[in-house]
Amino acid sequence: MTTPDLATLDAEIRALAKAELDLSDDDLADDLASSLDSIQRLSLVVAIEDHYEICFDPDDEEGTMTLSDVVRLVHAKLNEPASDA
């Protein structure tokens, strides 16, 4: 499977956030930690993990403040070699 480019991932994750959490572009414009409550952040993480069949590590949250950060993290996860676990 080919990894989507950053622009495609951005659009897909925005659409996912809007569909799952009923968010607007304004909600996704700034620091996600300040614009989303903890339940919304958790719901978004689960939706992204399910959609892309990836798993975030506990320390992935560090340095992930904006939607762009999330997009880059998902892109990196999708480009990781598959594990045999």
Protein backbone atom coordinates (compact mmCIF):
# COMPACT_ATOMS: atom_id res chain seq x y z
CA MET A 1 0.00 0.00 0.00
CA THR A 2 1.29 3.43 -0.92
CA THR A 3 1.48 5.97 1.89
CA PRO A 4 -0.63 9.06 1.18
CA ASP A 5 1.27 12.34 0.88
CA LEU A 6 1.04 14.95 3.65
CA ALA A 7 -1.63 17.02 1.87
CA THR A 8 -3.83 13.97 1.36
CA LEU A 9 -3.36 12.89 4.97
CA ASP A 10 -4.22 16.38 6.17
CA ALA A 11 -7.47 16.35 4.20
CA GLU A 12 -8.34 12.82 5.35
CA ILE A 13 -7.65 13.53 9.02
CA ARG A 14 -9.62 16.79 8.87
CA ALA A 15 -12.56 14.90 7.36
CA LEU A 16 -12.26 12.20 10.01
CA ALA A 17 -12.20 14.77 12.82
CA LYS A 18 -15.19 16.59 11.38
CA ALA A 19 -17.17 13.38 10.95
CA GLU A 20 -16.27 11.74 14.25
CA LEU A 21 -16.30 14.81 16.49
CA ASP A 22 -18.49 17.28 14.61
CA LEU A 23 -15.61 19.78 14.51
CA SER A 24 -15.11 22.81 12.31
CA ASP A 25 -11.92 23.97 10.60
CA ASP A 26 -11.62 26.59 13.35
CA ASP A 27 -11.52 23.83 15.97
CA LEU A 28 -8.61 22.26 14.10
CA ALA A 29 -6.72 25.47 13.34
CA ASP A 30 -4.75 25.95 16.54
CA ASP A 31 -3.28 23.97 19.38
CA LEU A 32 -5.38 20.83 19.64
CA ALA A 33 -4.71 20.54 23.37
CA SER A 34 -6.42 23.87 23.97
CA SER A 35 -9.21 23.54 21.40
CA LEU A 36 -10.25 19.92 22.16
CA ASP A 37 -11.14 18.43 25.50
CA SER A 38 -9.55 15.17 26.65
CA ILE A 39 -12.47 13.02 25.44
CA GLN A 40 -12.35 14.63 21.98
CA ARG A 41 -8.58 14.11 21.77
CA LEU A 42 -8.95 10.46 22.78
CA SER A 43 -11.80 9.95 20.29
CA LEU A 44 -9.69 11.50 17.52
CA VAL A 45 -6.71 9.27 18.36
CA VAL A 46 -8.89 6.14 18.30
CA ALA A 47 -10.53 7.18 15.01
CA ILE A 48 -7.12 7.79 13.40
CA GLU A 49 -5.71 4.49 14.71
CA ASP A 50 -8.73 2.58 13.43
CA HIS A 51 -8.83 4.32 10.07
CA TYR A 52 -5.12 3.90 9.28
CA GLU A 53 -4.62 0.63 11.21
CA ILE A 54 -1.75 2.11 13.21
CA CYS A 55 -1.02 2.28 16.91
CA PHE A 56 0.27 5.37 18.66
CA ASP A 57 2.83 4.97 21.43
CA PRO A 58 2.30 6.75 24.77
CA ASP A 59 5.18 9.15 24.09
CA ASP A 60 3.83 10.09 20.63
CA GLU A 61 1.68 12.76 22.30
CA GLU A 62 4.79 14.69 23.30
CA GLY A 63 5.40 17.38 20.70
CA THR A 64 2.08 16.73 18.97
CA MET A 65 0.18 19.96 19.46
CA THR A 66 -1.27 20.93 16.09
CA LEU A 67 -3.10 19.10 13.32
CA SER A 68 0.06 19.42 11.21
CA ASP A 69 1.98 17.60 13.96
CA VAL A 70 -0.63 14.84 13.92
CA VAL A 71 -0.42 14.58 10.13
CA ARG A 72 3.38 14.26 10.25
CA LEU A 73 3.13 11.64 13.01
CA VAL A 74 0.60 9.56 11.06
CA HIS A 75 2.77 9.86 7.94
CA ALA A 76 5.78 8.60 9.91
CA LYS A 77 3.76 5.72 11.40
CA LEU A 78 2.53 4.68 7.96
CA ASN A 79 6.12 4.65 6.71
CA GLU A 80 7.43 2.50 9.56
CA PRO A 81 8.45 -1.01 8.56
CA ALA A 82 5.79 -3.58 9.43
CA SER A 83 6.50 -5.56 12.58
CA ASP A 84 6.01 -9.30 12.82
CA ALA A 85 4.42 -9.05 16.27
